[in-house]
PDB file of N, CA and C in Angstrom:
ATOM      1  N   MET A   1      11.576 100.415   5.067  1.00  0.00           N
ATOM      2  CA  MET A   1      10.142 100.525   4.814  1.00  0.00           C
ATOM      3  C   MET A   1       9.627 101.801   5.460  1.00  0.00           C
ATOM      4  N   VAL A   2       8.847 102.548   4.733  1.00  0.00           N
ATOM      5  CA  VAL A   2       8.235 103.773   5.246  1.00  0.00           C
ATOM      6  C   VAL A   2       6.787 103.464   5.586  1.00  0.00           C
ATOM      7  N   ILE A   3       6.394 103.791   6.802  1.00  0.00           N
ATOM      8  CA  ILE A   3       5.021 103.579   7.235  1.00  0.00           C
ATOM      9  C   ILE A   3       4.323 104.929   7.243  1.00  0.00           C
ATOM     10  N   PRO A   4       3.231 105.065   6.484  1.00  0.00           N
ATOM     11  CA  PRO A   4       2.523 106.355   6.436  1.00  0.00           C
ATOM     12  C   PRO A   4       2.045 106.796   7.813  1.00  0.00           C
ATOM     13  N   ALA A   5       1.952 108.091   7.989  1.00  0.00           N
ATOM     14  CA  ALA A   5       1.559 108.663   9.277  1.00  0.00           C
ATOM     15  C   ALA A   5       0.194 108.187   9.744  1.00  0.00           C
ATOM     16  N   PHE A   6      -0.720 107.873   8.813  1.00  0.00           N
ATOM     17  CA  PHE A   6      -2.055 107.476   9.211  1.00  0.00           C
ATOM     18  C   PHE A   6      -2.140 106.014   9.628  1.00  0.00           C
ATOM     19  N   ALA A   7      -1.058 105.255   9.521  1.00  0.00           N
ATOM     20  CA  ALA A   7      -1.108 103.817   9.804  1.00  0.00           C
ATOM     21  C   ALA A   7      -1.616 103.535  11.216  1.00  0.00           C
ATOM     22  N   GLY A   8      -1.225 104.346  12.167  1.00  0.00           N
ATOM     23  CA  GLY A   8      -1.701 104.142  13.532  1.00  0.00           C
ATOM     24  C   GLY A   8      -3.196 104.320  13.663  1.00  0.00           C
ATOM     25  N   SER A   9      -3.773 105.172  12.837  1.00  0.00           N
ATOM     26  CA  SER A   9      -5.214 105.399  12.895  1.00  0.00           C
ATOM     27  C   SER A   9      -5.994 104.246  12.277  1.00  0.00           C
ATOM     28  N   LEU A  10      -5.300 103.316  11.631  1.00  0.00           N
ATOM     29  CA  LEU A  10      -5.972 102.185  11.003  1.00  0.00           C
ATOM     30  C   LEU A  10      -6.041 100.972  11.927  1.00  0.00           C
ATOM     31  N   HIS A  11      -5.515 101.099  13.148  1.00  0.00           N
ATOM     32  CA  HIS A  11      -5.577  99.996  14.101  1.00  0.00           C
ATOM     33  C   HIS A  11      -7.031  99.625  14.355  1.00  0.00           C
ATOM     34  N   GLN A  12      -7.331  98.353  14.207  1.00  0.00           N
ATOM     35  CA  GLN A  12      -8.728  97.933  14.293  1.00  0.00           C
ATOM     36  C   GLN A  12      -9.177  97.677  15.722  1.00  0.00           C
ATOM     37  N   THR A  13     -10.402  98.009  15.982  1.00  0.00           N
ATOM     38  CA  THR A  13     -11.077  97.633  17.209  1.00  0.00           C
ATOM     39  C   THR A  13     -12.278  96.797  16.796  1.00  0.00           C
ATOM     40  N   SER A  14     -13.018  96.312  17.742  1.00  0.00           N
ATOM     41  CA  SER A  14     -14.107  95.389  17.432  1.00  0.00           C
ATOM     42  C   SER A  14     -15.200  95.998  16.556  1.00  0.00           C
ATOM     43  N   ASN A  15     -15.353  97.326  16.560  1.00  0.00           N
ATOM     44  CA  ASN A  15     -16.423  97.929  15.770  1.00  0.00           C
ATOM     45  C   ASN A  15     -15.935  98.524  14.449  1.00  0.00           C
ATOM     46  N   GLN A  16     -14.687  98.262  14.074  1.00  0.00           N
ATOM     47  CA  GLN A  16     -14.164  98.775  12.816  1.00  0.00           C
ATOM     48  C   GLN A  16     -14.151  97.685  11.752  1.00  0.00           C
ATOM     49  N   ARG A  17     -14.185  98.133  10.520  1.00  0.00           N
ATOM     50  CA  ARG A  17     -14.122  97.217   9.390  1.00  0.00           C
ATOM     51  C   ARG A  17     -12.676  96.818   9.110  1.00  0.00           C
ATOM     52  N   GLU A  18     -12.509  95.735   8.361  1.00  0.00           N
ATOM     53  CA  GLU A  18     -11.185  95.393   7.862  1.00  0.00           C
ATOM     54  C   GLU A  18     -10.798  96.421   6.809  1.00  0.00           C
ATOM     55  N   ILE A  19      -9.518  96.428   6.428  1.00  0.00           N
ATOM     56  CA  ILE A  19      -9.000  97.437   5.512  1.00  0.00           C
ATOM     57  C   ILE A  19      -8.569  96.777   4.206  1.00  0.00           C
ATOM     58  N   ALA A  20      -8.926  97.405   3.090  1.00  0.00           N
ATOM     59  CA  ALA A  20      -8.509  96.943   1.770  1.00  0.00           C
ATOM     60  C   ALA A  20      -7.698  98.038   1.097  1.00  0.00           C
ATOM     61  N   LEU A  21      -6.633  97.639   0.399  1.00  0.00           N
ATOM     62  CA  LEU A  21      -5.821  98.552  -0.390  1.00  0.00           C
ATOM     63  C   LEU A  21      -6.208  98.373  -1.853  1.00  0.00           C
ATOM     64  N   ILE A  22      -6.614  99.456  -2.494  1.00  0.00           N
ATOM     65  CA  ILE A  22      -7.022  99.421  -3.897  1.00  0.00           C
ATOM     66  C   ILE A  22      -6.098 100.352  -4.685  1.00  0.00           C
ATOM     67  N   THR A  23      -5.409  99.793  -5.682  1.00  0.00           N
ATOM     68  CA  THR A  23      -4.550 100.604  -6.541  1.00  0.00           C
ATOM     69  C   THR A  23      -5.315 100.985  -7.804  1.00  0.00           C
ATOM     70  N   GLY A  24      -4.932 102.102  -8.388  1.00  0.00           N
ATOM     71  CA  GLY A  24      -5.607 102.570  -9.597  1.00  0.00           C
ATOM     72  C   GLY A  24      -7.055 102.920  -9.351  1.00  0.00           C
ATOM     73  N   ALA A  25      -7.350 103.445  -8.170  1.00  0.00           N
ATOM     74  CA  ALA A  25      -8.734 103.643  -7.732  1.00  0.00           C
ATOM     75  C   ALA A  25      -9.422 104.878  -8.285  1.00  0.00           C
ATOM     76  N   SER A  26      -8.758 105.635  -9.145  1.00  0.00           N
ATOM     77  CA  SER A  26      -9.405 106.843  -9.659  1.00  0.00           C
ATOM     78  C   SER A  26     -10.252 106.590 -10.898  1.00  0.00           C
ATOM     79  N   THR A  27      -9.988 105.498 -11.623  1.00  0.00           N
ATOM     80  CA  THR A  27     -10.746 105.197 -12.838  1.00  0.00           C
ATOM     81  C   THR A  27     -10.776 103.688 -13.096  1.00  0.00           C
ATOM     82  N   GLY A  28     -11.606 103.302 -14.042  1.00  0.00           N
ATOM     83  CA  GLY A  28     -11.611 101.938 -14.563  1.00  0.00           C
ATOM     84  C   GLY A  28     -11.875 100.849 -13.529  1.00  0.00           C
ATOM     85  N   ILE A  29     -11.156  99.739 -13.695  1.00  0.00           N
ATOM     86  CA  ILE A  29     -11.351  98.575 -12.826  1.00  0.00           C
ATOM     87  C   ILE A  29     -11.029  98.916 -11.374  1.00  0.00           C
ATOM     88  N   GLY A  30      -9.973  99.713 -11.145  1.00  0.00           N
ATOM     89  CA  GLY A  30      -9.613 100.098  -9.784  1.00  0.00           C
ATOM     90  C   GLY A  30     -10.741 100.845  -9.090  1.00  0.00           C
ATOM     91  N   LEU A  31     -11.401 101.740  -9.809  1.00  0.00           N
ATOM     92  CA  LEU A  31     -12.532 102.484  -9.258  1.00  0.00           C
ATOM     93  C   LEU A  31     -13.694 101.540  -8.963  1.00  0.00           C
ATOM     94  N   ASP A  32     -13.965 100.632  -9.885  1.00  0.00           N
ATOM     95  CA  ASP A  32     -15.039  99.660  -9.651  1.00  0.00           C
ATOM     96  C   ASP A  32     -14.744  98.785  -8.442  1.00  0.00           C
ATOM     97  N   LEU A  33     -13.505  98.355  -8.297  1.00  0.00           N
ATOM     98  CA  LEU A  33     -13.133  97.547  -7.126  1.00  0.00           C
ATOM     99  C   LEU A  33     -13.275  98.341  -5.829  1.00  0.00           C
ATOM    100  N   ALA A  34     -12.900  99.612  -5.864  1.00  0.00           N
ATOM    101  CA  ALA A  34     -13.055 100.463  -4.681  1.00  0.00           C
ATOM    102  C   ALA A  34     -14.523 100.598  -4.308  1.00  0.00           C
ATOM    103  N   ARG A  35     -15.381 100.787  -5.293  1.00  0.00           N
ATOM    104  CA  ARG A  35     -16.819 100.911  -5.020  1.00  0.00           C
ATOM    105  C   ARG A  35     -17.379  99.628  -4.418  1.00  0.00           C
ATOM    106  N   LEU A  36     -16.945  98.489  -4.932  1.00  0.00           N
ATOM    107  CA  LEU A  36     -17.417  97.205  -4.389  1.00  0.00           C
ATOM    108  C   LEU A  36     -16.882  96.968  -2.979  1.00  0.00           C
ATOM    109  N   ALA A  37     -15.607  97.222  -2.780  1.00  0.00           N
ATOM    110  CA  ALA A  37     -14.984  96.970  -1.481  1.00  0.00           C
ATOM    111  C   ALA A  37     -15.501  97.911  -0.402  1.00  0.00           C
ATOM    112  N   ALA A  38     -15.886  99.123  -0.773  1.00  0.00           N
ATOM    113  CA  ALA A  38     -16.338 100.117   0.202  1.00  0.00           C
ATOM    114  C   ALA A  38     -17.574  99.669   0.966  1.00  0.00           C
ATOM    115  N   GLN A  39     -18.311  98.748   0.408  1.00  0.00           N
ATOM    116  CA  GLN A  39     -19.504  98.251   1.090  1.00  0.00           C
ATOM    117  C   GLN A  39     -19.148  97.511   2.376  1.00  0.00           C
ATOM    118  N   ASP A  40     -17.969  96.877   2.405  1.00  0.00           N
ATOM    119  CA  ASP A  40     -17.601  96.029   3.536  1.00  0.00           C
ATOM    120  C   ASP A  40     -16.284  96.392   4.211  1.00  0.00           C
ATOM    121  N   PHE A  41     -15.511  97.297   3.614  1.00  0.00           N
ATOM    122  CA  PHE A  41     -14.169  97.583   4.112  1.00  0.00           C
ATOM    123  C   PHE A  41     -13.929  99.072   4.254  1.00  0.00           C
ATOM    124  N   ASP A  42     -13.036  99.446   5.184  1.00  0.00           N
ATOM    125  CA  ASP A  42     -12.392 100.752   5.130  1.00  0.00           C
ATOM    126  C   ASP A  42     -11.339 100.618   4.042  1.00  0.00           C
ATOM    127  N   LEU A  43     -10.970 101.726   3.397  1.00  0.00           N
ATOM    128  CA  LEU A  43     -10.094 101.638   2.246  1.00  0.00           C
ATOM    129  C   LEU A  43      -8.864 102.524   2.349  1.00  0.00           C
ATOM    130  N   ILE A  44      -7.814 102.062   1.706  1.00  0.00           N
ATOM    131  CA  ILE A  44      -6.676 102.880   1.342  1.00  0.00           C
ATOM    132  C   ILE A  44      -6.686 102.832  -0.175  1.00  0.00           C
ATOM    133  N   ILE A  45      -6.822 104.003  -0.808  1.00  0.00           N
ATOM    134  CA  ILE A  45      -6.867 104.033  -2.267  1.00  0.00           C
ATOM    135  C   ILE A  45      -5.683 104.823  -2.789  1.00  0.00           C
ATOM    136  N   THR A  46      -5.154 104.368  -3.915  1.00  0.00           N
ATOM    137  CA  THR A  46      -4.010 105.039  -4.510  1.00  0.00           C
ATOM    138  C   THR A  46      -4.168 105.112  -6.025  1.00  0.00           C
ATOM    139  N   ALA A  47      -3.641 106.180  -6.587  1.00  0.00           N
ATOM    140  CA  ALA A  47      -3.583 106.421  -8.030  1.00  0.00           C
ATOM    141  C   ALA A  47      -2.785 107.708  -8.211  1.00  0.00           C
ATOM    142  N   ARG A  48      -2.535 108.073  -9.453  1.00  0.00           N
ATOM    143  CA  ARG A  48      -1.735 109.271  -9.719  1.00  0.00           C
ATOM    144  C   ARG A  48      -2.515 110.566  -9.522  1.00  0.00           C
ATOM    145  N   ASP A  49      -3.803 110.566  -9.750  1.00  0.00           N
ATOM    146  CA  ASP A  49      -4.616 111.779  -9.759  1.00  0.00           C
ATOM    147  C   ASP A  49      -5.176 112.069  -8.365  1.00  0.00           C
ATOM    148  N   LYS A  50      -4.511 112.962  -7.634  1.00  0.00           N
ATOM    149  CA  LYS A  50      -4.909 113.278  -6.251  1.00  0.00           C
ATOM    150  C   LYS A  50      -6.324 113.848  -6.170  1.00  0.00           C
ATOM    151  N   VAL A  51      -6.653 114.763  -7.063  1.00  0.00           N
ATOM    152  CA  VAL A  51      -7.973 115.396  -7.033  1.00  0.00           C
ATOM    153  C   VAL A  51      -9.072 114.357  -7.232  1.00  0.00           C
ATOM    154  N   LYS A  52      -8.911 113.504  -8.227  1.00  0.00           N
ATOM    155  CA  LYS A  52      -9.901 112.458  -8.491  1.00  0.00           C
ATOM    156  C   LYS A  52      -9.996 111.484  -7.319  1.00  0.00           C
ATOM    157  N   LEU A  53      -8.851 111.109  -6.734  1.00  0.00           N
ATOM    158  CA  LEU A  53      -8.867 110.213  -5.570  1.00  0.00           C
ATOM    159  C   LEU A  53      -9.648 110.822  -4.407  1.00  0.00           C
ATOM    160  N   GLU A  54      -9.430 112.103  -4.164  1.00  0.00           N
ATOM    161  CA  GLU A  54     -10.137 112.767  -3.073  1.00  0.00           C
ATOM    162  C   GLU A  54     -11.641 112.809  -3.337  1.00  0.00           C
ATOM    163  N   GLN A  55     -12.027 112.997  -4.601  1.00  0.00           N
ATOM    164  CA  GLN A  55     -13.451 112.971  -4.959  1.00  0.00           C
ATOM    165  C   GLN A  55     -14.037 111.581  -4.727  1.00  0.00           C
ATOM    166  N   VAL A  56     -13.311 110.560  -5.150  1.00  0.00           N
ATOM    167  CA  VAL A  56     -13.755 109.173  -4.955  1.00  0.00           C
ATOM    168  C   VAL A  56     -13.881 108.882  -3.464  1.00  0.00           C
ATOM    169  N   ALA A  57     -12.889 109.287  -2.686  1.00  0.00           N
ATOM    170  CA  ALA A  57     -12.913 109.043  -1.241  1.00  0.00           C
ATOM    171  C   ALA A  57     -14.131 109.693  -0.591  1.00  0.00           C
ATOM    172  N   ALA A  58     -14.388 110.940  -0.932  1.00  0.00           N
ATOM    173  CA  ALA A  58     -15.542 111.642  -0.354  1.00  0.00           C
ATOM    174  C   ALA A  58     -16.850 110.937  -0.713  1.00  0.00           C
ATOM    175  N   GLN A  59     -16.965 110.533  -1.960  1.00  0.00           N
ATOM    176  CA  GLN A  59     -18.182 109.847  -2.408  1.00  0.00           C
ATOM    177  C   GLN A  59     -18.378 108.516  -1.674  1.00  0.00           C
ATOM    178  N   LEU A  60     -17.310 107.736  -1.564  1.00  0.00           N
ATOM    179  CA  LEU A  60     -17.422 106.429  -0.908  1.00  0.00           C
ATOM    180  C   LEU A  60     -17.720 106.569   0.579  1.00  0.00           C
ATOM    181  N   GLN A  61     -17.092 107.540   1.220  1.00  0.00           N
ATOM    182  CA  GLN A  61     -17.351 107.754   2.642  1.00  0.00           C
ATOM    183  C   GLN A  61     -18.790 108.182   2.890  1.00  0.00           C
ATOM    184  N   GLN A  62     -19.310 109.016   2.009  1.00  0.00           N
ATOM    185  CA  GLN A  62     -20.685 109.475   2.150  1.00  0.00           C
ATOM    186  C   GLN A  62     -21.664 108.315   1.944  1.00  0.00           C
ATOM    187  N   GLN A  63     -21.415 107.488   0.955  1.00  0.00           N
ATOM    188  CA  GLN A  63     -22.328 106.402   0.625  1.00  0.00           C
ATOM    189  C   GLN A  63     -22.267 105.234   1.604  1.00  0.00           C
ATOM    190  N   HIS A  64     -21.066 104.965   2.159  1.00  0.00           N
ATOM    191  CA  HIS A  64     -20.898 103.736   2.938  1.00  0.00           C
ATOM    192  C   HIS A  64     -20.488 103.957   4.383  1.00  0.00           C
ATOM    193  N   SER A  65     -20.330 105.199   4.797  1.00  0.00           N
ATOM    194  CA  SER A  65     -19.923 105.536   6.164  1.00  0.00           C
ATOM    195  C   SER A  65     -18.658 104.787   6.579  1.00  0.00           C
ATOM    196  N   ASN A  66     -17.742 104.656   5.646  1.00  0.00           N
ATOM    197  CA  ASN A  66     -16.476 104.007   5.957  1.00  0.00           C
ATOM    198  C   ASN A  66     -15.363 105.043   5.949  1.00  0.00           C
ATOM    199  N   ARG A  67     -14.152 104.598   6.270  1.00  0.00           N
ATOM    200  CA  ARG A  67     -12.994 105.476   6.240  1.00  0.00           C
ATOM    201  C   ARG A  67     -12.214 105.180   4.977  1.00  0.00           C
ATOM    202  N   VAL A  68     -11.817 106.232   4.282  1.00  0.00           N
ATOM    203  CA  VAL A  68     -11.055 106.074   3.050  1.00  0.00           C
ATOM    204  C   VAL A  68      -9.843 107.004   3.117  1.00  0.00           C
ATOM    205  N   HIS A  69      -8.655 106.410   3.065  1.00  0.00           N
ATOM    206  CA  HIS A  69      -7.412 107.169   3.075  1.00  0.00           C
ATOM    207  C   HIS A  69      -6.871 107.230   1.656  1.00  0.00           C
ATOM    208  N   VAL A  70      -6.400 108.393   1.255  1.00  0.00           N
ATOM    209  CA  VAL A  70      -5.927 108.643  -0.107  1.00  0.00           C
ATOM    210  C   VAL A  70      -4.400 108.728  -0.101  1.00  0.00           C
ATOM    211  N   ILE A  71      -3.772 107.990  -1.021  1.00  0.00           N
ATOM    212  CA  ILE A  71      -2.325 108.078  -1.224  1.00  0.00           C
ATOM    213  C   ILE A  71      -2.075 108.323  -2.711  1.00  0.00           C
ATOM    214  N   PRO A  72      -1.874 109.581  -3.103  1.00  0.00           N
ATOM    215  CA  PRO A  72      -1.574 109.840  -4.505  1.00  0.00           C
ATOM    216  C   PRO A  72      -0.148 109.380  -4.804  1.00  0.00           C
ATOM    217  N   ALA A  73      -0.002 108.505  -5.792  1.00  0.00           N
ATOM    218  CA  ALA A  73       1.323 107.988  -6.142  1.00  0.00           C
ATOM    219  C   ALA A  73       1.266 107.330  -7.518  1.00  0.00           C
ATOM    220  N   ASP A  74       2.391 107.384  -8.204  1.00  0.00           N
ATOM    221  CA  ASP A  74       2.545 106.680  -9.473  1.00  0.00           C
ATOM    222  C   ASP A  74       3.331 105.412  -9.150  1.00  0.00           C
ATOM    223  N   LEU A  75       2.671 104.298  -9.052  1.00  0.00           N
ATOM    224  CA  LEU A  75       3.303 103.057  -8.625  1.00  0.00           C
ATOM    225  C   LEU A  75       4.266 102.486  -9.655  1.00  0.00           C
ATOM    226  N   ALA A  76       4.334 103.090 -10.841  1.00  0.00           N
ATOM    227  CA  ALA A  76       5.321 102.700 -11.829  1.00  0.00           C
ATOM    228  C   ALA A  76       6.712 103.266 -11.466  1.00  0.00           C
ATOM    229  N   GLN A  77       6.732 104.219 -10.553  1.00  0.00           N
ATOM    230  CA  GLN A  77       7.980 104.837 -10.103  1.00  0.00           C
ATOM    231  C   GLN A  77       8.530 104.091  -8.894  1.00  0.00           C
ATOM    232  N   ALA A  78       9.821 103.824  -8.899  1.00  0.00           N
ATOM    233  CA  ALA A  78      10.458 103.050  -7.822  1.00  0.00           C
ATOM    234  C   ALA A  78      10.307 103.712  -6.447  1.00  0.00           C
ATOM    235  N   ASP A  79      10.279 105.023  -6.387  1.00  0.00           N
ATOM    236  CA  ASP A  79      10.205 105.715  -5.097  1.00  0.00           C
ATOM    237  C   ASP A  79       8.774 105.890  -4.584  1.00  0.00           C
ATOM    238  N   ALA A  80       7.812 105.395  -5.319  1.00  0.00           N
ATOM    239  CA  ALA A  80       6.416 105.499  -4.884  1.00  0.00           C
ATOM    240  C   ALA A  80       6.175 104.445  -3.888  1.00  0.00           C
TER     241      ALA A  80
END
């Protein structure tokens, strides 16, 4: 198992939100779920389009003052 470098930064303290992982967060249902979850959670979002993910992350962080980590990946690929 590979643990991303940012995993240590996700350790919760009493003033941090819980964390939600949203796949396909650049468009469609995944994007809608990310927008809904951002109200109450810090997020890890993943999808194939890195640029779009970074735009979504910036928007959600600005609107909800939460932390959003981006993992660009094609989850249809075994090595993702």
